[in-house]
Amino acid sequence: MCVTTRSVFDFVSAPLDSSLLDSESAGSALRCVSVPSYVSVPFFRNGNPLPVSSPAPQCHLTLAAAGSMRFRWNETNAVRDAFFRNLRVISEPPVSAPPASELSVPMPPVSAPSAAVPIELIHSRTVYALDGVRSDARCSGKYAGAASAVITNDGTVRSAICDSVRSGDGLISRNRQLLPIITVADCMPVYLYDPQTGCFGVLHSGWKGTGIAANALRLAAAAYGARAEDFLVVLGPHIHDCCYTVNAERAAYFAAEYTPECIEPGTAAAGSTAPDNAEYRLSLAQANIALLLRTGVNPANILHCTDCTCCDARFGSFRRQSAGLPAETPLEERVRRFTAMAAFIG
């Protein structure tokens, strides 16, 4: 059986017509019509979605309608805070929180709000296994994840007892009171769930971090005894090969490291914001699918979301939303111009 392909809007009762939007006014236009601020997608097993009654977590992604979900430990984002507060997700310790040296566990009962576990991205393959949350003075008064193990960029797994999770690109756990959160805007969110061990998580996989899915599966095996063949995987909306073009050097790297099928020669599709001098199109989906199959994931348990964040103004997109900026614009300024989306699982 092959990988399943669906749009995230297949799971929304009344999807928004993207023709109503333009790249400049997407945020304000979305707020003027009745549309969801985020979409939710189920995991698939043997080519079929898990039923609503399943205990499995759901895969969530905010849309441009929700506003920027940008996250930095040293910044305050009122839009993001309000969004998760409306979902009954807590991000700050109560007044009676324990000292920084102690974990804030056991977690509240299932009926209580989930605890947000954010991470500041560094475009790596670093993934943490979470046990709970803790109060850490270095994290601007916010909850930080408390890790039991970590896998680093080079694939080394080490114990991380009581480490505060501050920077990296992936979070896995078996604690369903936690809500792991990463941010994306063209990079691929990868959602994982193992019904056997209860391990679940979300990863940030851009071109630099491609390979993080294999690291997460390796960490899940070491921390929880999970097996790759038991995992269900959702590859969320990201920039597709219609818009994602790369030079010959990067194309050669991906073809050799993952699969030649993730590379196609030629310029970007008409209307794309890709540079005119690009030589190849890159499919992050094909690269990740090849990687997952190599690690032992069943293709019938993989859902590939067909939505391109660069094409569709319902999503935030670094490439689309920063395309008109002068070439000399600093990276940090470019980063502030696009709508970062929150990918979370729970």
C-alpha atoms as a PDB file:
ATOM      1  CA  MET A   1       0.000   0.000   0.000  1.00  0.00           C
ATOM      2  CA  CYS A   2       1.194   3.508  -0.838  1.00  0.00           C
ATOM      3  CA  VAL A   3       1.498   6.673   1.225  1.00  0.00           C
ATOM      4  CA  THR A   4      -1.850   8.484   1.644  1.00  0.00           C
ATOM      5  CA  THR A   5      -2.084  12.017   0.247  1.00  0.00           C
ATOM      6  CA  ARG A   6      -4.733  14.487   1.434  1.00  0.00           C
ATOM      7  CA  SER A   7      -5.183  18.221   1.927  1.00  0.00           C
ATOM      8  CA  VAL A   8      -5.573  19.411   5.513  1.00  0.00           C
ATOM      9  CA  PHE A   9      -8.734  21.183   4.371  1.00  0.00           C
ATOM     10  CA  ASP A  10     -10.316  17.816   3.627  1.00  0.00           C
ATOM     11  CA  PHE A  11     -10.785  17.654   7.394  1.00  0.00           C
ATOM     12  CA  VAL A  12     -12.422  21.102   7.693  1.00  0.00           C
ATOM     13  CA  SER A  13     -16.210  21.268   7.251  1.00  0.00           C
ATOM     14  CA  ALA A  14     -16.189  24.596   5.342  1.00  0.00           C
ATOM     15  CA  PRO A  15     -12.745  25.319   3.892  1.00  0.00           C
ATOM     16  CA  LEU A  16     -11.914  28.843   2.830  1.00  0.00           C
ATOM     17  CA  ASP A  17     -11.558  29.625  -0.859  1.00  0.00           C
ATOM     18  CA  SER A  18      -7.959  30.813  -1.149  1.00  0.00           C
ATOM     19  CA  SER A  19      -8.912  32.936  -4.172  1.00  0.00           C
ATOM     20  CA  LEU A  20     -10.453  35.367  -1.674  1.00  0.00           C
ATOM     21  CA  LEU A  21      -6.973  36.266  -0.511  1.00  0.00           C
ATOM     22  CA  ASP A  22      -3.862  37.929  -1.773  1.00  0.00           C
ATOM     23  CA  SER A  23      -0.406  37.618  -0.289  1.00  0.00           C
ATOM     24  CA  GLU A  24      -0.405  41.146   1.119  1.00  0.00           C
ATOM     25  CA  SER A  25      -3.794  41.109   2.837  1.00  0.00           C
ATOM     26  CA  ALA A  26      -4.104  37.464   3.803  1.00  0.00           C
ATOM     27  CA  GLY A  27      -4.167  38.086   7.534  1.00  0.00           C
ATOM     28  CA  SER A  28      -6.795  40.847   7.510  1.00  0.00           C
ATOM     29  CA  ALA A  29      -8.946  39.138   4.878  1.00  0.00           C
ATOM     30  CA  LEU A  30      -8.992  35.925   6.854  1.00  0.00           C
ATOM     31  CA  ARG A  31     -10.155  37.730   9.951  1.00  0.00           C
ATOM     32  CA  CYS A  32     -13.103  39.213   8.055  1.00  0.00           C
ATOM     33  CA  VAL A  33     -14.669  35.836   7.213  1.00  0.00           C
ATOM     34  CA  SER A  34     -15.633  32.865   9.305  1.00  0.00           C
ATOM     35  CA  VAL A  35     -12.674  30.510   9.072  1.00  0.00           C
ATOM     36  CA  PRO A  36     -10.852  28.353  11.589  1.00  0.00           C
ATOM     37  CA  SER A  37      -7.673  29.693  13.148  1.00  0.00           C
ATOM     38  CA  TYR A  38      -6.151  26.226  13.003  1.00  0.00           C
ATOM     39  CA  VAL A  39      -6.682  22.881  11.317  1.00  0.00           C
ATOM     40  CA  SER A  40      -6.564  19.411  12.835  1.00  0.00           C
ATOM     41  CA  VAL A  41      -5.614  16.210  11.051  1.00  0.00           C
ATOM     42  CA  PRO A  42      -5.925  12.605  12.276  1.00  0.00           C
ATOM     43  CA  PHE A  43      -3.265   9.941  12.045  1.00  0.00           C
ATOM     44  CA  PHE A  44      -3.756   7.214   9.438  1.00  0.00           C
ATOM     45  CA  ARG A  45      -3.231   3.476   9.822  1.00  0.00           C
ATOM     46  CA  ASN A  46      -3.330   1.095   6.875  1.00  0.00           C
ATOM     47  CA  GLY A  47      -4.478   3.940   4.663  1.00  0.00           C
ATOM     48  CA  ASN A  48      -7.465   4.907   6.827  1.00  0.00           C
ATOM     49  CA  PRO A  49      -7.886   7.727   9.366  1.00  0.00           C
ATOM     50  CA  LEU A  50      -8.083   6.712  13.001  1.00  0.00           C
ATOM     51  CA  PRO A  51     -11.639   7.162  14.306  1.00  0.00           C
ATOM     52  CA  VAL A  52     -12.541  10.161  16.434  1.00  0.00           C
ATOM     53  CA  SER A  53     -13.102   7.784  19.331  1.00  0.00           C
ATOM     54  CA  SER A  54      -9.467   6.673  19.151  1.00  0.00           C
ATOM     55  CA  PRO A  55      -7.206   7.671  22.061  1.00  0.00           C
ATOM     56  CA  ALA A  56      -4.654   8.914  19.541  1.00  0.00           C
ATOM     57  CA  PRO A  57      -3.595  12.574  19.652  1.00  0.00           C
ATOM     58  CA  GLN A  58      -4.484  14.929  16.805  1.00  0.00           C
ATOM     59  CA  CYS A  59      -2.082  16.888  14.610  1.00  0.00           C
ATOM     60  CA  HIS A  60      -2.741  20.629  14.697  1.00  0.00           C
ATOM     61  CA  LEU A  61      -1.442  23.608  12.706  1.00  0.00           C
ATOM     62  CA  THR A  62      -2.398  27.256  13.070  1.00  0.00           C
ATOM     63  CA  LEU A  63      -3.300  29.179   9.923  1.00  0.00           C
ATOM     64  CA  ALA A  64      -2.468  32.727   8.889  1.00  0.00           C
ATOM     65  CA  ALA A  65      -5.832  33.699  10.408  1.00  0.00           C
ATOM     66  CA  ALA A  66      -4.420  33.091  13.876  1.00  0.00           C
ATOM     67  CA  GLY A  67      -1.565  35.566  13.423  1.00  0.00           C
ATOM     68  CA  SER A  68       2.136  34.991  14.014  1.00  0.00           C
ATOM     69  CA  MET A  69       3.048  32.226  16.458  1.00  0.00           C
ATOM     70  CA  ARG A  70       6.702  33.303  16.556  1.00  0.00           C
ATOM     71  CA  PHE A  71       8.441  32.038  19.699  1.00  0.00           C
ATOM     72  CA  ARG A  72      11.579  33.240  21.461  1.00  0.00           C
ATOM     73  CA  TRP A  73      12.279  32.754  25.158  1.00  0.00           C
ATOM     74  CA  ASN A  74      13.231  36.413  25.528  1.00  0.00           C
ATOM     75  CA  GLU A  75      10.144  37.755  23.728  1.00  0.00           C
ATOM     76  CA  THR A  76       6.459  38.110  24.555  1.00  0.00           C
ATOM     77  CA  ASN A  77       3.951  37.204  21.856  1.00  0.00           C
ATOM     78  CA  ALA A  78       0.487  38.276  23.016  1.00  0.00           C
ATOM     79  CA  VAL A  79      -1.194  36.743  19.948  1.00  0.00           C
ATOM     80  CA  ARG A  80       0.348  33.349  20.598  1.00  0.00           C
ATOM     81  CA  ASP A  81      -0.363  33.519  24.332  1.00  0.00           C
ATOM     82  CA  ALA A  82      -4.026  34.360  23.719  1.00  0.00           C
ATOM     83  CA  PHE A  83      -4.417  31.575  21.154  1.00  0.00           C
ATOM     84  CA  PHE A  84      -3.198  28.846  23.497  1.00  0.00           C
ATOM     85  CA  ARG A  85      -4.995  30.333  26.470  1.00  0.00           C
ATOM     86  CA  ASN A  86      -8.253  29.988  24.514  1.00  0.00           C
ATOM     87  CA  LEU A  87      -7.433  26.297  24.057  1.00  0.00           C
ATOM     88  CA  ARG A  88      -7.032  25.951  27.834  1.00  0.00           C
ATOM     89  CA  VAL A  89      -3.316  25.427  27.487  1.00  0.00           C
ATOM     90  CA  ILE A  90      -1.153  26.750  30.303  1.00  0.00           C
ATOM     91  CA  SER A  91       2.304  28.144  29.632  1.00  0.00           C
ATOM     92  CA  GLU A  92       3.293  29.660  32.973  1.00  0.00           C
ATOM     93  CA  PRO A  93       3.761  28.006  36.369  1.00  0.00           C
ATOM     94  CA  PRO A  94       1.180  28.710  39.091  1.00  0.00           C
ATOM     95  CA  VAL A  95       2.120  31.017  41.942  1.00  0.00           C
ATOM     96  CA  SER A  96       2.919  27.978  44.078  1.00  0.00           C
ATOM     97  CA  ALA A  97       5.273  26.480  41.477  1.00  0.00           C
ATOM     98  CA  PRO A  98       8.214  24.472  42.871  1.00  0.00           C
ATOM     99  CA  PRO A  99      11.782  25.776  42.681  1.00  0.00           C
ATOM    100  CA  ALA A 100      13.662  25.578  39.396  1.00  0.00           C
ATOM    101  CA  SER A 101      15.531  22.531  40.653  1.00  0.00           C
ATOM    102  CA  GLU A 102      12.314  20.504  40.951  1.00  0.00           C
ATOM    103  CA  LEU A 103      10.073  19.109  38.224  1.00  0.00           C
ATOM    104  CA  SER A 104       6.486  20.339  38.114  1.00  0.00           C
ATOM    105  CA  VAL A 105       5.149  16.762  38.166  1.00  0.00           C
ATOM    106  CA  PRO A 106       2.957  14.847  38.592  1.00  0.00           C
ATOM    107  CA  MET A 107       0.910  16.635  35.981  1.00  0.00           C
ATOM    108  CA  PRO A 108      -2.750  17.645  36.555  1.00  0.00           C
ATOM    109  CA  PRO A 109      -5.570  15.150  35.828  1.00  0.00           C
ATOM    110  CA  VAL A 110      -6.753  14.643  32.254  1.00  0.00           C
ATOM    111  CA  SER A 111      -9.630  17.123  32.646  1.00  0.00           C
ATOM    112  CA  ALA A 112      -7.190  19.938  33.477  1.00  0.00           C
ATOM    113  CA  PRO A 113      -5.518  22.158  30.847  1.00  0.00           C
ATOM    114  CA  SER A 114      -2.506  20.816  28.987  1.00  0.00           C
ATOM    115  CA  ALA A 115       0.905  22.333  29.628  1.00  0.00           C
ATOM    116  CA  ALA A 116       2.503  23.987  26.596  1.00  0.00           C
ATOM    117  CA  VAL A 117       6.039  22.821  25.881  1.00  0.00           C
ATOM    118  CA  PRO A 118       7.687  25.224  23.400  1.00  0.00           C
ATOM    119  CA  ILE A 119      11.158  25.057  21.935  1.00  0.00           C
ATOM    120  CA  GLU A 120      13.278  27.734  20.261  1.00  0.00           C
ATOM    121  CA  LEU A 121      14.290  26.413  16.856  1.00  0.00           C
ATOM    122  CA  ILE A 122      17.914  26.127  15.740  1.00  0.00           C
ATOM    123  CA  HIS A 123      17.413  24.247  12.407  1.00  0.00           C
ATOM    124  CA  SER A 124      19.008  21.054  13.674  1.00  0.00           C
ATOM    125  CA  ARG A 125      18.199  17.366  14.144  1.00  0.00           C
ATOM    126  CA  THR A 126      18.130  17.674  17.932  1.00  0.00           C
ATOM    127  CA  VAL A 127      15.127  16.003  19.594  1.00  0.00           C
ATOM    128  CA  TYR A 128      14.192  15.775  23.289  1.00  0.00           C
ATOM    129  CA  ALA A 129      12.212  13.103  25.141  1.00  0.00           C
ATOM    130  CA  LEU A 130       9.979  14.922  27.639  1.00  0.00           C
ATOM    131  CA  ASP A 131       8.799  13.729  31.053  1.00  0.00           C
ATOM    132  CA  GLY A 132       7.149  16.875  32.364  1.00  0.00           C
ATOM    133  CA  VAL A 133       7.635  20.604  32.736  1.00  0.00           C
ATOM    134  CA  ARG A 134       9.602  22.769  35.098  1.00  0.00           C
ATOM    135  CA  SER A 135       9.923  26.377  36.148  1.00  0.00           C
ATOM    136  CA  ASP A 136      13.225  27.773  34.929  1.00  0.00           C
ATOM    137  CA  ALA A 137      14.402  31.320  35.591  1.00  0.00           C
ATOM    138  CA  ARG A 138      16.232  31.329  32.249  1.00  0.00           C
ATOM    139  CA  CYS A 139      12.924  30.895  30.391  1.00  0.00           C
ATOM    140  CA  SER A 140      11.317  34.286  31.129  1.00  0.00           C
ATOM    141  CA  GLY A 141       8.769  32.865  33.551  1.00  0.00           C
ATOM    142  CA  LYS A 142       7.406  30.322  31.050  1.00  0.00           C
ATOM    143  CA  TYR A 143       7.197  26.584  31.545  1.00  0.00           C
ATOM    144  CA  ALA A 144      10.087  24.690  29.971  1.00  0.00           C
ATOM    145  CA  GLY A 145      10.037  21.023  29.089  1.00  0.00           C
ATOM    146  CA  ALA A 146      11.879  18.664  31.443  1.00  0.00           C
ATOM    147  CA  ALA A 147      13.780  16.120  29.372  1.00  0.00           C
ATOM    148  CA  SER A 148      14.864  12.599  30.268  1.00  0.00           C
ATOM    149  CA  ALA A 149      16.907  12.041  27.110  1.00  0.00           C
ATOM    150  CA  VAL A 150      18.106  13.875  24.008  1.00  0.00           C
ATOM    151  CA  ILE A 151      19.466  12.909  20.604  1.00  0.00           C
ATOM    152  CA  THR A 152      21.882  15.416  19.132  1.00  0.00           C
ATOM    153  CA  ASN A 153      22.622  16.449  15.573  1.00  0.00           C
ATOM    154  CA  ASP A 154      25.059  13.579  15.016  1.00  0.00           C
ATOM    155  CA  GLY A 155      22.614  10.916  16.217  1.00  0.00           C
ATOM    156  CA  THR A 156      24.106  10.468  19.695  1.00  0.00           C
ATOM    157  CA  VAL A 157      21.567   9.645  22.417  1.00  0.00           C
ATOM    158  CA  ARG A 158      22.395  10.748  25.956  1.00  0.00           C
ATOM    159  CA  SER A 159      20.631  11.065  29.281  1.00  0.00           C
ATOM    160  CA  ALA A 160      19.238  14.525  29.990  1.00  0.00           C
ATOM    161  CA  ILE A 161      17.641  14.086  33.405  1.00  0.00           C
ATOM    162  CA  CYS A 162      16.127  17.383  34.578  1.00  0.00           C
ATOM    163  CA  ASP A 163      17.531  19.306  31.600  1.00  0.00           C
ATOM    164  CA  SER A 164      15.338  22.261  30.647  1.00  0.00           C
ATOM    165  CA  VAL A 165      14.400  22.055  26.980  1.00  0.00           C
ATOM    166  CA  ARG A 166      15.267  25.455  25.524  1.00  0.00           C
ATOM    167  CA  SER A 167      16.535  24.987  21.948  1.00  0.00           C
ATOM    168  CA  GLY A 168      16.322  22.240  19.346  1.00  0.00           C
ATOM    169  CA  ASP A 169      13.845  21.117  16.703  1.00  0.00           C
ATOM    170  CA  GLY A 170      11.863  18.171  17.987  1.00  0.00           C
ATOM    171  CA  LEU A 171       9.872  17.024  21.016  1.00  0.00           C
ATOM    172  CA  ILE A 172       8.548  13.551  21.842  1.00  0.00           C
ATOM    173  CA  SER A 173       6.838  12.275  24.988  1.00  0.00           C
ATOM    174  CA  ARG A 174       4.464   9.746  26.508  1.00  0.00           C
ATOM    175  CA  ASN A 175       2.953  12.301  28.902  1.00  0.00           C
ATOM    176  CA  ARG A 176      -0.419  13.266  27.403  1.00  0.00           C
ATOM    177  CA  GLN A 177      -0.684  16.257  29.732  1.00  0.00           C
ATOM    178  CA  LEU A 178       2.030  17.906  27.657  1.00  0.00           C
ATOM    179  CA  LEU A 179       1.411  19.805  24.420  1.00  0.00           C
ATOM    180  CA  PRO A 180       4.648  19.842  22.369  1.00  0.00           C
ATOM    181  CA  ILE A 181       4.796  22.905  20.090  1.00  0.00           C
ATOM    182  CA  ILE A 182       7.158  23.922  17.289  1.00  0.00           C
ATOM    183  CA  THR A 183       6.820  26.672  14.662  1.00  0.00           C
ATOM    184  CA  VAL A 184       6.990  26.454  10.872  1.00  0.00           C
ATOM    185  CA  ALA A 185       6.553  28.622   7.787  1.00  0.00           C
ATOM    186  CA  ASP A 186       7.581  26.578   4.701  1.00  0.00           C
ATOM    187  CA  CYS A 187       9.553  24.023   6.711  1.00  0.00           C
ATOM    188  CA  MET A 188       7.759  20.725   7.263  1.00  0.00           C
ATOM    189  CA  PRO A 189       6.044  19.809  10.526  1.00  0.00           C
ATOM    190  CA  VAL A 190       6.352  16.068  11.123  1.00  0.00           C
ATOM    191  CA  TYR A 191       3.909  14.496  13.583  1.00  0.00           C
ATOM    192  CA  LEU A 192       4.569  11.076  15.157  1.00  0.00           C
ATOM    193  CA  TYR A 193       2.460   8.627  17.161  1.00  0.00           C
ATOM    194  CA  ASP A 194       3.087   5.056  18.325  1.00  0.00           C
ATOM    195  CA  PRO A 195      -0.099   3.369  19.606  1.00  0.00           C
ATOM    196  CA  GLN A 196       1.957   0.611  21.230  1.00  0.00           C
ATOM    197  CA  THR A 197       4.057   2.721  23.611  1.00  0.00           C
ATOM    198  CA  GLY A 198       1.978   5.903  23.570  1.00  0.00           C
ATOM    199  CA  CYS A 199       4.919   7.940  22.270  1.00  0.00           C
ATOM    200  CA  PHE A 200       3.897  11.049  20.326  1.00  0.00           C
ATOM    201  CA  GLY A 201       5.672  14.165  19.120  1.00  0.00           C
ATOM    202  CA  VAL A 202       6.230  16.906  16.592  1.00  0.00           C
ATOM    203  CA  LEU A 203       9.350  17.856  14.635  1.00  0.00           C
ATOM    204  CA  HIS A 204      10.562  20.864  12.618  1.00  0.00           C
ATOM    205  CA  SER A 205      12.122  19.576   9.393  1.00  0.00           C
ATOM    206  CA  GLY A 206      13.599  22.138   7.008  1.00  0.00           C
ATOM    207  CA  TRP A 207      16.359  21.435   4.530  1.00  0.00           C
ATOM    208  CA  LYS A 208      19.051  21.681   7.214  1.00  0.00           C
ATOM    209  CA  GLY A 209      17.098  19.468   9.575  1.00  0.00           C
ATOM    210  CA  THR A 210      15.972  16.805   7.112  1.00  0.00           C
ATOM    211  CA  GLY A 211      16.886  13.572   8.837  1.00  0.00           C
ATOM    212  CA  ILE A 212      15.360  14.642  12.141  1.00  0.00           C
ATOM    213  CA  ALA A 213      12.586  12.058  11.719  1.00  0.00           C
ATOM    214  CA  ALA A 214      15.130   9.231  11.844  1.00  0.00           C
ATOM    215  CA  ASN A 215      16.685  10.794  14.940  1.00  0.00           C
ATOM    216  CA  ALA A 216      13.289  11.008  16.634  1.00  0.00           C
ATOM    217  CA  LEU A 217      12.575   7.342  15.948  1.00  0.00           C
ATOM    218  CA  ARG A 218      15.994   6.386  17.297  1.00  0.00           C
ATOM    219  CA  LEU A 219      15.371   8.409  20.439  1.00  0.00           C
ATOM    220  CA  ALA A 220      11.905   6.866  20.872  1.00  0.00           C
ATOM    221  CA  ALA A 221      13.483   3.418  20.706  1.00  0.00           C
ATOM    222  CA  ALA A 222      16.097   4.301  23.315  1.00  0.00           C
ATOM    223  CA  ALA A 223      13.766   6.186  25.685  1.00  0.00           C
ATOM    224  CA  TYR A 224      10.537   4.223  25.362  1.00  0.00           C
ATOM    225  CA  GLY A 225      11.334   0.941  23.604  1.00  0.00           C
ATOM    226  CA  ALA A 226       9.324   2.034  20.558  1.00  0.00           C
ATOM    227  CA  ARG A 227       9.721   0.415  17.125  1.00  0.00           C
ATOM    228  CA  ALA A 228       9.697   2.327  13.850  1.00  0.00           C
ATOM    229  CA  GLU A 229       7.241  -0.108  12.272  1.00  0.00           C
ATOM    230  CA  ASP A 230       4.611   0.797  14.885  1.00  0.00           C
ATOM    231  CA  PHE A 231       4.671   4.539  14.204  1.00  0.00           C
ATOM    232  CA  LEU A 232       1.996   6.530  12.400  1.00  0.00           C
ATOM    233  CA  VAL A 233       3.368   9.670  10.718  1.00  0.00           C
ATOM    234  CA  VAL A 234       1.835  12.838   9.289  1.00  0.00           C
ATOM    235  CA  LEU A 235       3.927  15.080   7.041  1.00  0.00           C
ATOM    236  CA  GLY A 236       2.222  18.447   7.414  1.00  0.00           C
ATOM    237  CA  PRO A 237       1.857  21.405   5.019  1.00  0.00           C
ATOM    238  CA  HIS A 238       5.172  22.814   3.804  1.00  0.00           C
ATOM    239  CA  ILE A 239       6.730  24.384   0.731  1.00  0.00           C
ATOM    240  CA  HIS A 240       6.461  21.904  -2.156  1.00  0.00           C
ATOM    241  CA  ASP A 241       8.663  21.360  -5.182  1.00  0.00           C
ATOM    242  CA  CYS A 242       6.416  23.649  -7.246  1.00  0.00           C
ATOM    243  CA  CYS A 243       7.978  26.543  -5.310  1.00  0.00           C
ATOM    244  CA  TYR A 244      11.068  25.151  -3.603  1.00  0.00           C
ATOM    245  CA  THR A 245      14.059  25.412  -5.903  1.00  0.00           C
ATOM    246  CA  VAL A 246      17.697  24.819  -5.004  1.00  0.00           C
ATOM    247  CA  ASN A 247      21.126  24.970  -6.589  1.00  0.00           C
ATOM    248  CA  ALA A 248      23.085  22.002  -7.948  1.00  0.00           C
ATOM    249  CA  GLU A 249      25.108  21.469  -4.767  1.00  0.00           C
ATOM    250  CA  ARG A 250      22.067  21.114  -2.510  1.00  0.00           C
ATOM    251  CA  ALA A 251      20.282  18.996  -5.107  1.00  0.00           C
ATOM    252  CA  ALA A 252      23.223  16.591  -5.267  1.00  0.00           C
ATOM    253  CA  TYR A 253      23.306  16.321  -1.473  1.00  0.00           C
ATOM    254  CA  PHE A 254      19.605  15.430  -1.200  1.00  0.00           C
ATOM    255  CA  ALA A 255      19.727  12.981  -4.102  1.00  0.00           C
ATOM    256  CA  ALA A 256      22.678  11.144  -2.538  1.00  0.00           C
ATOM    257  CA  GLU A 257      21.551  11.319   1.099  1.00  0.00           C
ATOM    258  CA  TYR A 258      17.845  10.515   0.647  1.00  0.00           C
ATOM    259  CA  THR A 259      16.628   9.606  -2.836  1.00  0.00           C
ATOM    260  CA  PRO A 260      17.072  10.876  -6.418  1.00  0.00           C
ATOM    261  CA  GLU A 261      13.268  11.018  -6.574  1.00  0.00           C
ATOM    262  CA  CYS A 262      13.234  14.121  -4.357  1.00  0.00           C
ATOM    263  CA  ILE A 263      14.993  16.148  -7.070  1.00  0.00           C
ATOM    264  CA  GLU A 264      13.697  17.309 -10.445  1.00  0.00           C
ATOM    265  CA  PRO A 265      15.599  19.498 -12.908  1.00  0.00           C
ATOM    266  CA  GLY A 266      14.054  22.717 -14.111  1.00  0.00           C
ATOM    267  CA  THR A 267      12.881  26.067 -12.863  1.00  0.00           C
ATOM    268  CA  ALA A 268       9.955  26.701 -10.569  1.00  0.00           C
ATOM    269  CA  ALA A 269       6.356  26.590 -11.694  1.00  0.00           C
ATOM    270  CA  ALA A 270       4.721  29.659 -13.207  1.00  0.00           C
ATOM    271  CA  GLY A 271       3.757  32.185 -10.560  1.00  0.00           C
ATOM    272  CA  SER A 272       6.247  30.816  -8.040  1.00  0.00           C
ATOM    273  CA  THR A 273       8.365  33.181  -5.954  1.00  0.00           C
ATOM    274  CA  ALA A 274      11.445  30.995  -6.434  1.00  0.00           C
ATOM    275  CA  PRO A 275      14.551  32.701  -7.875  1.00  0.00           C
ATOM    276  CA  ASP A 276      14.980  32.608 -11.639  1.00  0.00           C
ATOM    277  CA  ASN A 277      18.496  31.160 -11.422  1.00  0.00           C
ATOM    278  CA  ALA A 278      17.463  28.041  -9.476  1.00  0.00           C
ATOM    279  CA  GLU A 279      18.449  24.826 -11.223  1.00  0.00           C
ATOM    280  CA  TYR A 280      16.438  22.104  -9.452  1.00  0.00           C
ATOM    281  CA  ARG A 281      13.180  21.557  -7.612  1.00  0.00           C
ATOM    282  CA  LEU A 282      13.366  19.890  -4.200  1.00  0.00           C
ATOM    283  CA  SER A 283      10.621  17.770  -2.652  1.00  0.00           C
ATOM    284  CA  LEU A 284      11.018  17.678   1.126  1.00  0.00           C
ATOM    285  CA  ALA A 285       8.145  15.187   1.177  1.00  0.00           C
ATOM    286  CA  GLN A 286       9.910  12.661  -1.052  1.00  0.00           C
ATOM    287  CA  ALA A 287      13.110  13.028   0.961  1.00  0.00           C
ATOM    288  CA  ASN A 288      11.288  12.412   4.238  1.00  0.00           C
ATOM    289  CA  ILE A 289       9.206   9.549   2.884  1.00  0.00           C
ATOM    290  CA  ALA A 290      12.352   7.806   1.631  1.00  0.00           C
ATOM    291  CA  LEU A 291      13.947   8.327   5.049  1.00  0.00           C
ATOM    292  CA  LEU A 292      10.911   6.976   6.926  1.00  0.00           C
ATOM    293  CA  LEU A 293      10.666   3.888   4.724  1.00  0.00           C
ATOM    294  CA  ARG A 294      14.384   3.247   5.240  1.00  0.00           C
ATOM    295  CA  THR A 295      13.905   3.323   9.007  1.00  0.00           C
ATOM    296  CA  GLY A 296      11.057   0.802   8.848  1.00  0.00           C
ATOM    297  CA  VAL A 297       7.879   2.915   8.922  1.00  0.00           C
ATOM    298  CA  ASN A 298       4.976   1.288   7.045  1.00  0.00           C
ATOM    299  CA  PRO A 299       4.052   3.466   4.016  1.00  0.00           C
ATOM    300  CA  ALA A 300       0.363   2.733   4.687  1.00  0.00           C
ATOM    301  CA  ASN A 301       0.787   4.543   8.018  1.00  0.00           C
ATOM    302  CA  ILE A 302       2.091   7.772   6.478  1.00  0.00           C
ATOM    303  CA  LEU A 303      -0.132  10.721   5.567  1.00  0.00           C
ATOM    304  CA  HIS A 304       1.423  13.318   3.258  1.00  0.00           C
ATOM    305  CA  CYS A 305      -0.446  16.636   3.318  1.00  0.00           C
ATOM    306  CA  THR A 306      -0.509  18.019  -0.220  1.00  0.00           C
ATOM    307  CA  ASP A 307      -0.857  21.694   0.735  1.00  0.00           C
ATOM    308  CA  CYS A 308       1.981  24.004  -0.350  1.00  0.00           C
ATOM    309  CA  THR A 309       2.498  26.807   2.161  1.00  0.00           C
ATOM    310  CA  CYS A 310       4.114  29.019  -0.470  1.00  0.00           C
ATOM    311  CA  CYS A 311       1.243  28.673  -2.966  1.00  0.00           C
ATOM    312  CA  ASP A 312      -1.630  28.979  -0.514  1.00  0.00           C
ATOM    313  CA  ALA A 313      -2.150  32.276   1.328  1.00  0.00           C
ATOM    314  CA  ARG A 314      -4.092  30.518   4.059  1.00  0.00           C
ATOM    315  CA  PHE A 315      -0.670  29.514   5.414  1.00  0.00           C
ATOM    316  CA  GLY A 316       2.296  31.516   6.597  1.00  0.00           C
ATOM    317  CA  SER A 317       5.274  31.314   4.223  1.00  0.00           C
ATOM    318  CA  PHE A 318       8.776  32.677   4.641  1.00  0.00           C
ATOM    319  CA  ARG A 319       9.475  32.559   0.915  1.00  0.00           C
ATOM    320  CA  ARG A 320       6.193  34.079  -0.232  1.00  0.00           C
ATOM    321  CA  GLN A 321       5.836  36.748   2.448  1.00  0.00           C
ATOM    322  CA  SER A 322       9.438  37.942   2.310  1.00  0.00           C
ATOM    323  CA  ALA A 323       9.798  37.741  -1.475  1.00  0.00           C
ATOM    324  CA  GLY A 324       9.339  41.468  -2.092  1.00  0.00           C
ATOM    325  CA  LEU A 325      11.930  42.655   0.427  1.00  0.00           C
ATOM    326  CA  PRO A 326      15.167  44.243  -0.803  1.00  0.00           C
ATOM    327  CA  ALA A 327      18.085  41.823  -1.154  1.00  0.00           C
ATOM    328  CA  GLU A 328      20.030  43.643   1.570  1.00  0.00           C
ATOM    329  CA  THR A 329      17.263  43.128   4.188  1.00  0.00           C
ATOM    330  CA  PRO A 330      18.824  41.432   7.248  1.00  0.00           C
ATOM    331  CA  LEU A 331      17.667  37.890   8.008  1.00  0.00           C
ATOM    332  CA  GLU A 332      16.165  38.863  11.364  1.00  0.00           C
ATOM    333  CA  GLU A 333      14.007  41.481   9.641  1.00  0.00           C
ATOM    334  CA  ARG A 334      12.896  38.922   7.032  1.00  0.00           C
ATOM    335  CA  VAL A 335      11.989  36.517   9.823  1.00  0.00           C
ATOM    336  CA  ARG A 336       9.670  39.101  11.355  1.00  0.00           C
ATOM    337  CA  ARG A 337       7.791  39.643   8.084  1.00  0.00           C
ATOM    338  CA  PHE A 338       6.245  36.198   7.700  1.00  0.00           C
ATOM    339  CA  THR A 339       3.479  34.496   9.708  1.00  0.00           C
ATOM    340  CA  ALA A 340       5.055  31.759  11.777  1.00  0.00           C
ATOM    341  CA  MET A 341       2.572  28.919  12.358  1.00  0.00           C
ATOM    342  CA  ALA A 342       2.408  26.743  15.452  1.00  0.00           C
ATOM    343  CA  ALA A 343       2.451  22.983  14.870  1.00  0.00           C
ATOM    344  CA  PHE A 344       1.341  21.109  17.967  1.00  0.00           C
ATOM    345  CA  ILE A 345       0.118  17.657  18.918  1.00  0.00           C
ATOM    346  CA  GLY A 346      -2.268  16.536  21.606  1.00  0.00           C
END
